[in-house]
C-alpha atoms as a PDB file:
ATOM      1  CA  MET A   1       0.000   0.000   0.000  1.00  0.00           C
ATOM      2  CA  LEU A   2       1.288   3.474  -0.813  1.00  0.00           C
ATOM      3  CA  ASN A   3       2.549   5.255   2.260  1.00  0.00           C
ATOM      4  CA  HIS A   4       1.099   8.687   1.594  1.00  0.00           C
ATOM      5  CA  GLN A   5      -2.263   8.892   3.302  1.00  0.00           C
ATOM      6  CA  VAL A   6      -3.577  12.229   4.456  1.00  0.00           C
ATOM      7  CA  GLU A   7      -2.429  12.956   7.977  1.00  0.00           C
ATOM      8  CA  PRO A   8      -5.058  12.592  10.714  1.00  0.00           C
ATOM      9  CA  ALA A   9      -6.842  15.741  11.786  1.00  0.00           C
ATOM     10  CA  ARG A  10      -4.951  16.023  15.060  1.00  0.00           C
ATOM     11  CA  THR A  11      -1.744  16.919  13.176  1.00  0.00           C
ATOM     12  CA  LEU A  12      -3.292  19.975  11.548  1.00  0.00           C
ATOM     13  CA  SER A  13      -2.298  23.368  12.891  1.00  0.00           C
ATOM     14  CA  ARG A  14      -5.006  25.238  14.773  1.00  0.00           C
ATOM     15  CA  SER A  15      -2.806  28.111  15.932  1.00  0.00           C
ATOM     16  CA  GLY A  16      -4.595  31.428  15.703  1.00  0.00           C
ATOM     17  CA  PRO A  17      -7.958  32.375  14.152  1.00  0.00           C
ATOM     18  CA  LEU A  18      -6.812  31.728  10.576  1.00  0.00           C
ATOM     19  CA  GLY A  19      -5.514  28.278  11.463  1.00  0.00           C
ATOM     20  CA  PHE A  20      -8.793  27.398  13.219  1.00  0.00           C
ATOM     21  CA  ILE A  21     -10.919  28.598  10.296  1.00  0.00           C
ATOM     22  CA  LEU A  22      -8.854  26.655   7.772  1.00  0.00           C
ATOM     23  CA  THR A  23      -8.762  23.406   9.763  1.00  0.00           C
ATOM     24  CA  ASN A  24     -12.090  23.269  11.591  1.00  0.00           C
ATOM     25  CA  ARG A  25     -14.331  20.593  10.112  1.00  0.00           C
ATOM     26  CA  TRP A  26     -17.490  22.673  10.134  1.00  0.00           C
ATOM     27  CA  GLY A  27     -15.628  25.940   9.506  1.00  0.00           C
ATOM     28  CA  VAL A  28     -15.204  27.573   6.126  1.00  0.00           C
ATOM     29  CA  ARG A  29     -11.970  25.912   5.048  1.00  0.00           C
ATOM     30  CA  PRO A  30     -13.537  23.902   2.193  1.00  0.00           C
ATOM     31  CA  ILE A  31     -15.397  26.986   0.982  1.00  0.00           C
ATOM     32  CA  ILE A  32     -12.247  29.107   1.108  1.00  0.00           C
ATOM     33  CA  ALA A  33     -10.309  26.375  -0.705  1.00  0.00           C
ATOM     34  CA  ILE A  34     -12.862  26.154  -3.512  1.00  0.00           C
ATOM     35  CA  ALA A  35     -13.069  29.948  -3.788  1.00  0.00           C
ATOM     36  CA  LEU A  36      -9.292  30.424  -3.958  1.00  0.00           C
ATOM     37  CA  VAL A  37      -8.788  27.635  -6.500  1.00  0.00           C
ATOM     38  CA  TRP A  38     -11.513  29.106  -8.698  1.00  0.00           C
ATOM     39  CA  ALA A  39     -10.387  32.719  -8.216  1.00  0.00           C
ATOM     40  CA  SER A  40      -6.733  32.011  -9.036  1.00  0.00           C
ATOM     41  CA  ASP A  41      -7.722  30.475 -12.368  1.00  0.00           C
ATOM     42  CA  ARG A  42     -10.143  33.296 -13.213  1.00  0.00           C
ATOM     43  CA  LEU A  43      -7.528  35.906 -12.314  1.00  0.00           C
ATOM     44  CA  VAL A  44      -4.926  34.372 -14.627  1.00  0.00           C
ATOM     45  CA  LYS A  45      -7.416  34.177 -17.495  1.00  0.00           C
ATOM     46  CA  LYS A  46      -8.489  37.789 -16.943  1.00  0.00           C
ATOM     47  CA  MET A  47      -4.922  39.068 -16.777  1.00  0.00           C
ATOM     48  CA  LEU A  48      -3.829  37.211 -19.911  1.00  0.00           C
ATOM     49  CA  GLY A  49      -7.014  38.088 -21.782  1.00  0.00           C
ATOM     50  CA  GLY A  50      -7.193  36.640 -25.298  1.00  0.00           C
ATOM     51  CA  LEU A  51      -4.107  34.482 -24.840  1.00  0.00           C
ATOM     52  CA  ALA A  52      -6.166  31.810 -23.095  1.00  0.00           C
ATOM     53  CA  ASN A  53      -7.732  30.340 -26.243  1.00  0.00           C
ATOM     54  CA  PRO A  54      -5.781  31.563 -29.285  1.00  0.00           C
ATOM     55  CA  VAL A  55      -5.761  28.235 -31.068  1.00  0.00           C
ATOM     56  CA  GLN A  56      -9.383  27.763 -31.929  1.00  0.00           C
ATOM     57  CA  HIS A  57      -9.796  26.923 -35.563  1.00  0.00           C
ATOM     58  CA  SER A  58      -9.347  30.066 -37.647  1.00  0.00           C
ATOM     59  CA  GLY A  59      -8.177  28.650 -40.959  1.00  0.00           C
ATOM     60  CA  THR A  60      -4.505  29.478 -40.316  1.00  0.00           C
ATOM     61  CA  THR A  61      -1.496  27.327 -39.519  1.00  0.00           C
ATOM     62  CA  ASP A  62       0.410  29.926 -37.474  1.00  0.00           C
ATOM     63  CA  THR A  63       2.138  27.565 -35.072  1.00  0.00           C
ATOM     64  CA  LEU A  64       3.616  30.484 -33.125  1.00  0.00           C
ATOM     65  CA  LEU A  65       0.213  30.638 -31.432  1.00  0.00           C
ATOM     66  CA  LEU A  66       1.407  27.733 -29.319  1.00  0.00           C
ATOM     67  CA  SER A  67       3.638  30.063 -27.281  1.00  0.00           C
ATOM     68  CA  PRO A  68       0.778  32.099 -25.713  1.00  0.00           C
ATOM     69  CA  VAL A  69      -1.049  28.874 -24.884  1.00  0.00           C
ATOM     70  CA  LEU A  70       1.987  27.465 -23.094  1.00  0.00           C
ATOM     71  CA  ILE A  71       2.361  30.704 -21.145  1.00  0.00           C
ATOM     72  CA  THR A  72      -1.305  30.645 -20.171  1.00  0.00           C
ATOM     73  CA  GLU A  73      -1.254  27.039 -18.965  1.00  0.00           C
ATOM     74  CA  PHE A  74       1.989  27.586 -17.061  1.00  0.00           C
ATOM     75  CA  CYS A  75       0.536  30.636 -15.277  1.00  0.00           C
ATOM     76  CA  ARG A  76      -2.678  28.780 -14.421  1.00  0.00           C
ATOM     77  CA  LEU A  77      -0.649  25.969 -12.872  1.00  0.00           C
ATOM     78  CA  ALA A  78       1.593  28.447 -11.028  1.00  0.00           C
ATOM     79  CA  GLY A  79      -1.473  30.152  -9.537  1.00  0.00           C
ATOM     80  CA  LEU A  80      -2.831  26.808  -8.354  1.00  0.00           C
ATOM     81  CA  ILE A  81       0.518  25.912  -6.776  1.00  0.00           C
ATOM     82  CA  LEU A  82       0.471  29.198  -4.841  1.00  0.00           C
ATOM     83  CA  VAL A  83      -2.951  28.329  -3.407  1.00  0.00           C
ATOM     84  CA  PHE A  84      -1.758  24.826  -2.485  1.00  0.00           C
ATOM     85  CA  THR A  85       1.350  26.291  -0.863  1.00  0.00           C
ATOM     86  CA  LEU A  86      -0.819  28.534   1.326  1.00  0.00           C
ATOM     87  CA  PHE A  87      -2.895  25.627   2.610  1.00  0.00           C
ATOM     88  CA  SER A  88       0.198  23.470   3.034  1.00  0.00           C
ATOM     89  CA  TYR A  89       1.722  26.152   5.251  1.00  0.00           C
ATOM     90  CA  ILE A  90      -1.440  26.724   7.298  1.00  0.00           C
ATOM     91  CA  GLN A  91      -2.084  23.017   7.845  1.00  0.00           C
ATOM     92  CA  LYS A  92       1.556  21.996   8.299  1.00  0.00           C
ATOM     93  CA  GLU A  93       0.881  19.327   5.693  1.00  0.00           C
ATOM     94  CA  PRO A  94       3.091  18.638   2.640  1.00  0.00           C
ATOM     95  CA  ILE A  95       1.614  19.185  -0.821  1.00  0.00           C
ATOM     96  CA  GLY A  96       2.842  15.703  -1.715  1.00  0.00           C
ATOM     97  CA  ALA A  97       0.239  14.216   0.654  1.00  0.00           C
ATOM     98  CA  TRP A  98      -2.506  15.295  -1.740  1.00  0.00           C
ATOM     99  CA  GLY A  99      -1.861  12.664  -4.399  1.00  0.00           C
ATOM    100  CA  TYR A 100       1.642  13.558  -5.589  1.00  0.00           C
ATOM    101  CA  ARG A 101       3.960  11.646  -3.270  1.00  0.00           C
ATOM    102  CA  ASP A 102       4.328   8.271  -4.925  1.00  0.00           C
ATOM    103  CA  ALA A 103       7.409   6.060  -5.222  1.00  0.00           C
ATOM    104  CA  LYS A 104       5.994   4.838  -8.547  1.00  0.00           C
ATOM    105  CA  ALA A 105       5.113   8.307  -9.874  1.00  0.00           C
ATOM    106  CA  LEU A 106       7.162   8.111 -13.087  1.00  0.00           C
ATOM    107  CA  LYS A 107       5.993   4.577 -13.830  1.00  0.00           C
ATOM    108  CA  ARG A 108       2.340   5.518 -13.303  1.00  0.00           C
ATOM    109  CA  LEU A 109       2.747   8.647 -15.427  1.00  0.00           C
ATOM    110  CA  CYS A 110       4.260   6.675 -18.304  1.00  0.00           C
ATOM    111  CA  TRP A 111       1.583   3.986 -18.149  1.00  0.00           C
ATOM    112  CA  GLY A 112      -1.068   6.686 -18.058  1.00  0.00           C
ATOM    113  CA  LEU A 113       0.433   8.260 -21.191  1.00  0.00           C
ATOM    114  CA  PHE A 114       0.506   4.895 -22.940  1.00  0.00           C
ATOM    115  CA  PHE A 115      -3.075   3.972 -22.088  1.00  0.00           C
ATOM    116  CA  GLY A 116      -4.335   7.460 -22.894  1.00  0.00           C
ATOM    117  CA  PHE A 117      -2.901   7.138 -26.411  1.00  0.00           C
ATOM    118  CA  LEU A 118      -4.175   3.570 -26.760  1.00  0.00           C
ATOM    119  CA  PHE A 119      -7.626   4.507 -25.438  1.00  0.00           C
ATOM    120  CA  MET A 120      -8.163   7.407 -27.836  1.00  0.00           C
ATOM    121  CA  SER A 121      -6.592   5.597 -30.806  1.00  0.00           C
ATOM    122  CA  THR A 122      -8.857   2.574 -30.489  1.00  0.00           C
ATOM    123  CA  LEU A 123     -11.877   4.858 -30.238  1.00  0.00           C
ATOM    124  CA  VAL A 124     -10.920   6.974 -33.283  1.00  0.00           C
ATOM    125  CA  LEU A 125     -10.059   3.903 -35.351  1.00  0.00           C
ATOM    126  CA  SER A 126     -13.347   2.266 -34.344  1.00  0.00           C
ATOM    127  CA  LEU A 127     -15.249   5.355 -35.507  1.00  0.00           C
ATOM    128  CA  TRP A 128     -13.259   5.289 -38.753  1.00  0.00           C
ATOM    129  CA  GLY A 129     -14.003   1.580 -39.212  1.00  0.00           C
ATOM    130  CA  ALA A 130     -17.697   2.301 -38.735  1.00  0.00           C
ATOM    131  CA  HIS A 131     -17.480   5.042 -41.417  1.00  0.00           C
ATOM    132  CA  LEU A 132     -18.173   7.742 -38.845  1.00  0.00           C
ATOM    133  CA  LEU A 133     -14.830   9.501 -39.405  1.00  0.00           C
ATOM    134  CA  ILE A 134     -12.843  10.270 -42.565  1.00  0.00           C
ATOM    135  CA  PHE A 135      -9.063  10.703 -42.511  1.00  0.00           C
ATOM    136  CA  LEU A 136      -7.531  13.661 -44.350  1.00  0.00           C
ATOM    137  CA  PRO A 137      -3.853  14.013 -45.379  1.00  0.00           C
ATOM    138  CA  SER A 138      -1.259  15.739 -43.200  1.00  0.00           C
ATOM    139  CA  ALA A 139      -0.114  19.215 -44.216  1.00  0.00           C
ATOM    140  CA  PHE A 140       3.256  19.229 -42.423  1.00  0.00           C
ATOM    141  CA  SER A 141       6.738  17.856 -43.044  1.00  0.00           C
ATOM    142  CA  LEU A 142       8.254  15.246 -40.735  1.00  0.00           C
ATOM    143  CA  VAL A 143      10.492  17.799 -38.972  1.00  0.00           C
ATOM    144  CA  GLU A 144       7.603  20.222 -38.439  1.00  0.00           C
ATOM    145  CA  THR A 145       5.395  17.384 -37.260  1.00  0.00           C
ATOM    146  CA  LEU A 146       7.914  16.328 -34.609  1.00  0.00           C
ATOM    147  CA  ARG A 147       8.389  19.918 -33.442  1.00  0.00           C
ATOM    148  CA  LEU A 148       4.670  20.561 -33.159  1.00  0.00           C
ATOM    149  CA  GLY A 149       4.100  17.210 -31.496  1.00  0.00           C
ATOM    150  CA  THR A 150       6.651  18.051 -28.807  1.00  0.00           C
ATOM    151  CA  LEU A 151       5.162  21.497 -28.159  1.00  0.00           C
ATOM    152  CA  TRP A 152       1.637  20.143 -27.957  1.00  0.00           C
ATOM    153  CA  ALA A 153       2.822  17.328 -25.675  1.00  0.00           C
ATOM    154  CA  LEU A 154       4.283  19.882 -23.263  1.00  0.00           C
ATOM    155  CA  MET A 155       1.119  21.981 -23.393  1.00  0.00           C
ATOM    156  CA  PHE A 156      -1.216  19.059 -22.748  1.00  0.00           C
ATOM    157  CA  LEU A 157       1.015  17.766 -19.944  1.00  0.00           C
ATOM    158  CA  LEU A 158       0.573  21.156 -18.252  1.00  0.00           C
ATOM    159  CA  VAL A 159      -3.183  20.879 -18.848  1.00  0.00           C
ATOM    160  CA  GLY A 160      -3.222  17.369 -17.364  1.00  0.00           C
ATOM    161  CA  ILE A 161      -1.319  18.439 -14.248  1.00  0.00           C
ATOM    162  CA  PHE A 162      -3.450  21.544 -13.785  1.00  0.00           C
ATOM    163  CA  GLU A 163      -6.884  19.987 -14.302  1.00  0.00           C
ATOM    164  CA  GLU A 164      -6.158  16.849 -12.289  1.00  0.00           C
ATOM    165  CA  SER A 165      -4.667  18.956  -9.488  1.00  0.00           C
ATOM    166  CA  GLN A 166      -7.568  21.391  -9.571  1.00  0.00           C
ATOM    167  CA  CYS A 167     -10.283  18.717  -9.451  1.00  0.00           C
ATOM    168  CA  ARG A 168      -8.579  15.809  -7.690  1.00  0.00           C
ATOM    169  CA  GLY A 169      -5.735  17.371  -5.730  1.00  0.00           C
ATOM    170  CA  TYR A 170      -6.233  19.365  -2.547  1.00  0.00           C
ATOM    171  CA  LEU A 171      -9.976  19.875  -3.028  1.00  0.00           C
ATOM    172  CA  GLN A 172     -10.546  16.119  -3.279  1.00  0.00           C
ATOM    173  CA  TYR A 173      -8.723  15.591   0.002  1.00  0.00           C
ATOM    174  CA  VAL A 174     -10.226  18.458   1.981  1.00  0.00           C
ATOM    175  CA  LEU A 175     -13.791  17.695   0.892  1.00  0.00           C
ATOM    176  CA  THR A 176     -13.314  13.959   1.464  1.00  0.00           C
ATOM    177  CA  ARG A 177     -12.702  14.739   5.122  1.00  0.00           C
ATOM    178  CA  ASN A 178     -16.082  16.475   5.273  1.00  0.00           C
ATOM    179  CA  ILE A 179     -18.485  14.710   2.899  1.00  0.00           C
ATOM    180  CA  GLY A 180     -16.670  11.517   1.876  1.00  0.00           C
ATOM    181  CA  PHE A 181     -14.585  10.480  -1.110  1.00  0.00           C
ATOM    182  CA  TRP A 182     -17.244   9.586  -3.670  1.00  0.00           C
ATOM    183  CA  TRP A 183     -19.567  12.474  -2.859  1.00  0.00           C
ATOM    184  CA  THR A 184     -16.546  14.688  -3.443  1.00  0.00           C
ATOM    185  CA  GLY A 185     -15.778  12.833  -6.673  1.00  0.00           C
ATOM    186  CA  ALA A 186     -19.322  13.440  -7.890  1.00  0.00           C
ATOM    187  CA  LEU A 187     -19.095  17.125  -6.979  1.00  0.00           C
ATOM    188  CA  MET A 188     -15.788  17.493  -8.825  1.00  0.00           C
ATOM    189  CA  ALA A 189     -17.271  15.708 -11.853  1.00  0.00           C
ATOM    190  CA  LEU A 190     -20.093  18.264 -11.945  1.00  0.00           C
ATOM    191  CA  TYR A 191     -17.539  21.065 -11.703  1.00  0.00           C
ATOM    192  CA  PHE A 192     -15.498  19.503 -14.515  1.00  0.00           C
ATOM    193  CA  MET A 193     -18.634  19.366 -16.672  1.00  0.00           C
ATOM    194  CA  TYR A 194     -19.388  23.003 -15.895  1.00  0.00           C
ATOM    195  CA  ALA A 195     -15.840  24.013 -16.864  1.00  0.00           C
ATOM    196  CA  HIS A 196     -16.403  22.446 -20.318  1.00  0.00           C
ATOM    197  CA  TRP A 197     -19.954  23.699 -20.731  1.00  0.00           C
ATOM    198  CA  THR A 198     -18.924  27.016 -22.316  1.00  0.00           C
ATOM    199  CA  ASN A 199     -16.770  25.373 -25.011  1.00  0.00           C
ATOM    200  CA  GLN A 200     -18.073  26.077 -28.492  1.00  0.00           C
ATOM    201  CA  GLY A 201     -19.364  22.957 -30.187  1.00  0.00           C
ATOM    202  CA  GLU A 202     -19.708  20.924 -26.983  1.00  0.00           C
ATOM    203  CA  ASN A 203     -22.857  18.781 -26.828  1.00  0.00           C
ATOM    204  CA  MET A 204     -24.792  17.067 -24.041  1.00  0.00           C
ATOM    205  CA  ILE A 205     -23.220  13.657 -24.644  1.00  0.00           C
ATOM    206  CA  GLY A 206     -19.816  15.325 -24.611  1.00  0.00           C
ATOM    207  CA  LEU A 207     -20.559  16.885 -21.223  1.00  0.00           C
ATOM    208  CA  ILE A 208     -21.712  13.527 -19.862  1.00  0.00           C
ATOM    209  CA  THR A 209     -18.523  11.820 -21.072  1.00  0.00           C
ATOM    210  CA  VAL A 210     -16.443  14.616 -19.511  1.00  0.00           C
ATOM    211  CA  GLY A 211     -18.166  13.892 -16.197  1.00  0.00           C
ATOM    212  CA  ALA A 212     -17.627  10.156 -16.657  1.00  0.00           C
ATOM    213  CA  PHE A 213     -13.948  10.781 -17.415  1.00  0.00           C
ATOM    214  CA  SER A 214     -13.683  12.737 -14.171  1.00  0.00           C
ATOM    215  CA  LEU A 215     -15.114   9.783 -12.230  1.00  0.00           C
ATOM    216  CA  VAL A 216     -12.712   7.347 -13.913  1.00  0.00           C
ATOM    217  CA  ALA A 217      -9.771   9.594 -13.007  1.00  0.00           C
ATOM    218  CA  CYS A 218     -11.156   9.757  -9.467  1.00  0.00           C
ATOM    219  CA  TYR A 219     -11.351   5.960  -9.407  1.00  0.00           C
ATOM    220  CA  SER A 220      -7.648   5.729 -10.259  1.00  0.00           C
ATOM    221  CA  LEU A 221      -6.929   8.013  -7.283  1.00  0.00           C
ATOM    222  CA  TRP A 222      -9.103   5.814  -5.059  1.00  0.00           C
ATOM    223  CA  LEU A 223      -7.265   2.672  -6.139  1.00  0.00           C
ATOM    224  CA  THR A 224      -3.698   4.018  -6.045  1.00  0.00           C
ATOM    225  CA  GLY A 225      -3.712   7.122  -3.836  1.00  0.00           C
ATOM    226  CA  SER A 226      -1.781   8.812  -6.640  1.00  0.00           C
ATOM    227  CA  LEU A 227      -2.655  11.411  -9.278  1.00  0.00           C
ATOM    228  CA  TRP A 228       0.132  10.467 -11.666  1.00  0.00           C
ATOM    229  CA  TRP A 229      -1.649   7.805 -13.719  1.00  0.00           C
ATOM    230  CA  ALA A 230      -4.621  10.144 -14.225  1.00  0.00           C
ATOM    231  CA  ILE A 231      -2.305  13.017 -15.196  1.00  0.00           C
ATOM    232  CA  GLY A 232      -0.643  10.888 -17.867  1.00  0.00           C
ATOM    233  CA  PHE A 233      -3.937   9.477 -19.103  1.00  0.00           C
ATOM    234  CA  HIS A 234      -5.497  12.951 -19.279  1.00  0.00           C
ATOM    235  CA  ALA A 235      -2.531  14.482 -21.119  1.00  0.00           C
ATOM    236  CA  ALA A 236      -2.302  11.654 -23.661  1.00  0.00           C
ATOM    237  CA  TRP A 237      -6.102  11.667 -24.159  1.00  0.00           C
ATOM    238  CA  ASP A 238      -5.970  15.345 -25.176  1.00  0.00           C
ATOM    239  CA  TRP A 239      -2.727  15.094 -27.186  1.00  0.00           C
ATOM    240  CA  THR A 240      -3.885  12.077 -29.180  1.00  0.00           C
ATOM    241  CA  GLN A 241      -7.314  13.512 -29.900  1.00  0.00           C
ATOM    242  CA  SER A 242      -6.262  17.096 -30.641  1.00  0.00           C
ATOM    243  CA  TYR A 243      -2.780  16.831 -32.150  1.00  0.00           C
ATOM    244  CA  PHE A 244      -2.239  13.300 -33.426  1.00  0.00           C
ATOM    245  CA  TYR A 245      -5.650  12.808 -35.054  1.00  0.00           C
ATOM    246  CA  GLY A 246      -6.628  16.474 -35.344  1.00  0.00           C
ATOM    247  CA  ALA A 247     -10.140  15.835 -34.051  1.00  0.00           C
ATOM    248  CA  ALA A 248     -12.239  18.373 -32.187  1.00  0.00           C
ATOM    249  CA  ASN A 249     -11.609  18.369 -28.443  1.00  0.00           C
ATOM    250  CA  SER A 250     -14.660  19.417 -26.412  1.00  0.00           C
ATOM    251  CA  GLY A 251     -15.820  21.452 -29.373  1.00  0.00           C
ATOM    252  CA  VAL A 252     -12.453  23.089 -30.126  1.00  0.00           C
ATOM    253  CA  VAL A 253     -10.234  22.269 -33.136  1.00  0.00           C
ATOM    254  CA  PHE A 254      -6.588  23.147 -32.511  1.00  0.00           C
ATOM    255  CA  GLU A 255      -4.158  24.315 -35.159  1.00  0.00           C
ATOM    256  CA  GLY A 256      -0.924  22.513 -36.027  1.00  0.00           C
ATOM    257  CA  HIS A 257      -2.175  18.923 -35.796  1.00  0.00           C
ATOM    258  CA  PHE A 258      -0.548  15.861 -37.384  1.00  0.00           C
ATOM    259  CA  LEU A 259      -3.476  14.104 -39.041  1.00  0.00           C
ATOM    260  CA  ALA A 260      -6.964  15.420 -39.627  1.00  0.00           C
ATOM    261  CA  VAL A 261     -10.330  13.724 -39.351  1.00  0.00           C
ATOM    262  CA  GLN A 262     -13.751  14.799 -40.499  1.00  0.00           C
ATOM    263  CA  PRO A 263     -17.055  13.533 -39.070  1.00  0.00           C
ATOM    264  CA  ALA A 264     -19.227  11.440 -41.386  1.00  0.00           C
ATOM    265  CA  GLY A 265     -22.513   9.606 -41.108  1.00  0.00           C
ATOM    266  CA  SER A 266     -24.761   9.964 -38.079  1.00  0.00           C
ATOM    267  CA  ASP A 267     -24.171  13.089 -35.989  1.00  0.00           C
ATOM    268  CA  PHE A 268     -25.344  11.184 -32.914  1.00  0.00           C
ATOM    269  CA  TRP A 269     -22.625   8.534 -33.230  1.00  0.00           C
ATOM    270  CA  ASN A 270     -19.691  10.549 -34.606  1.00  0.00           C
ATOM    271  CA  GLY A 271     -19.812  13.320 -31.992  1.00  0.00           C
ATOM    272  CA  ARG A 272     -19.875  15.995 -34.673  1.00  0.00           C
ATOM    273  CA  MET A 273     -18.343  19.281 -33.462  1.00  0.00           C
ATOM    274  CA  ALA A 274     -17.697  17.902 -29.967  1.00  0.00           C
ATOM    275  CA  GLY A 275     -15.279  15.358 -31.448  1.00  0.00           C
ATOM    276  CA  PRO A 276     -14.812  11.777 -30.236  1.00  0.00           C
ATOM    277  CA  GLU A 277     -15.736  12.939 -26.723  1.00  0.00           C
ATOM    278  CA  GLY A 278     -19.241  13.585 -28.037  1.00  0.00           C
ATOM    279  CA  THR A 279     -19.973  10.024 -29.148  1.00  0.00           C
ATOM    280  CA  PRO A 280     -21.863   7.587 -26.884  1.00  0.00           C
ATOM    281  CA  LEU A 281     -19.113   5.040 -27.611  1.00  0.00           C
ATOM    282  CA  MET A 282     -16.860   7.074 -25.327  1.00  0.00           C
ATOM    283  CA  LEU A 283     -18.961   5.998 -22.337  1.00  0.00           C
ATOM    284  CA  LEU A 284     -18.384   2.347 -23.245  1.00  0.00           C
ATOM    285  CA  TRP A 285     -14.631   2.966 -23.560  1.00  0.00           C
ATOM    286  CA  LEU A 286     -14.553   4.659 -20.153  1.00  0.00           C
ATOM    287  CA  LEU A 287     -16.458   1.779 -18.582  1.00  0.00           C
ATOM    288  CA  LEU A 288     -13.963  -0.691 -20.049  1.00  0.00           C
ATOM    289  CA  SER A 289     -11.129   1.452 -18.673  1.00  0.00           C
ATOM    290  CA  ALA A 290     -12.637   1.357 -15.184  1.00  0.00           C
ATOM    291  CA  ILE A 291     -13.025  -2.425 -15.385  1.00  0.00           C
ATOM    292  CA  ALA A 292      -9.401  -2.798 -16.512  1.00  0.00           C
ATOM    293  CA  MET A 293      -8.252  -0.597 -13.629  1.00  0.00           C
ATOM    294  CA  TYR A 294     -10.151  -2.740 -11.152  1.00  0.00           C
ATOM    295  CA  LEU A 295      -8.738  -5.957 -12.591  1.00  0.00           C
ATOM    296  CA  TYR A 296      -5.171  -4.589 -12.427  1.00  0.00           C
ATOM    297  CA  TRP A 297      -5.231  -2.589  -9.179  1.00  0.00           C
ATOM    298  CA  GLY A 298      -8.475  -3.355  -7.406  1.00  0.00           C
ATOM    299  CA  ARG A 299      -7.734  -6.904  -6.270  1.00  0.00           C
ATOM    300  CA  ARG A 300      -4.029  -6.361  -5.532  1.00  0.00           C
ATOM    301  CA  THR A 301      -3.970  -3.298  -3.300  1.00  0.00           C
ATOM    302  CA  LYS A 302      -5.727  -1.892  -0.296  1.00  0.00           C
ATOM    303  CA  ARG A 303      -7.496   1.430  -0.659  1.00  0.00           C
ATOM    304  CA  PRO A 304      -4.867   4.100   0.133  1.00  0.00           C
ATOM    305  CA  LEU A 305      -7.566   6.686   0.802  1.00  0.00           C
ATOM    306  CA  ALA A 306      -9.631   4.496   3.095  1.00  0.00           C
ATOM    307  CA  THR A 307      -7.794   5.962   6.110  1.00  0.00           C
ATOM    308  CA  VAL A 308      -8.595   9.604   5.320  1.00  0.00           C
ATOM    309  CA  THR A 309     -10.202  10.864   8.511  1.00  0.00           C
ATOM    310  CA  SER A 310     -12.870  13.462   9.020  1.00  0.00           C
ATOM    311  CA  ILE A 311     -11.941  16.692  10.714  1.00  0.00           C
END
C-alpha cells in the first residue's frame, strides 16, 4: 500500500484564528479552498485576456500561437501551486500528501500516457471503421510534425497536471474529510462538466462523457492514492485527440495537428463538433477502462484513501 495517506486531523495546525478557520471541520476551510482555487484560475485568465484560447480553428497554420497557450497554462498551474502552498503552510501538511507523493510516480505517469494514447486511438479507429470519421492528409513535413508534437505534448502535460490537481488534488482531500470520497468525486465531476460547458461545439453527450472521465480519473486516485496515472492518461487523451488525429476536443479544433479527421454519417454517433468525446461510444470505452483498472489494481492493493479521517 502506498505510504502517503492524508495525515489525521490532530496533526493539523489550529494556531490562531486563521488556522482554526482553515482546519475546523465545520468551519469555512472547504469553501475558502474552492473559492481560492476558482479565483486564481479566473484571475490568470483575466490578466492574460485573449491568450487563453488563441488556437481555436481560424483557418490558419500559425504555429507560433502555441507560445501564448503554453504561457497561459503555465501561469494557471503556477497560480494553483500558490494556493496549495498557502494551505500546506497553514495546515503543516506537505503538498505531496494530496496525491503527488508516490514512489511509482514516473511509472504511473508513463503507463497513463501509454493507455491514454491507446484509449483514444482505439476509439478513433473504431469510428473510422464504422465510417463515422474520414481521414484527411497531413499538411506538415516530418520535422515540423515532430516539433509541433513536442510542443503540444508539453502543453497538454501542463493541462493534465493543472486539471487533475484542480479537481482531484487538494480539493478532493479536503472535501473527502467532510463529505466523503465519492460524494466529493461526484461534486468534482459536476464542476469539470461546468468548466467544459462554455466550449463552443460541446454537446450534451460530450458533457456527460467529460463527467464520466472525471469519475474514472477519481477511481484511479481511489485505487492508487496517486494522481500520476490520471495526469498521464489525461494528457495523452488530449494530445492524441487534438494533435495526433486532429479531431475536435470538447468542441475546439486546434491548429498545427498531425493528421486530420472529419465527421461522417450519423451526428449522434460521430460526436460531430464535440469530437470523439461527443460520441456515446466514449462511455463504453470509459467503462472498459474502469473495469481494466479494477482488474489490475483493485484486487491487488488496499485502498490508500480508506484511512482519510474526518476533521
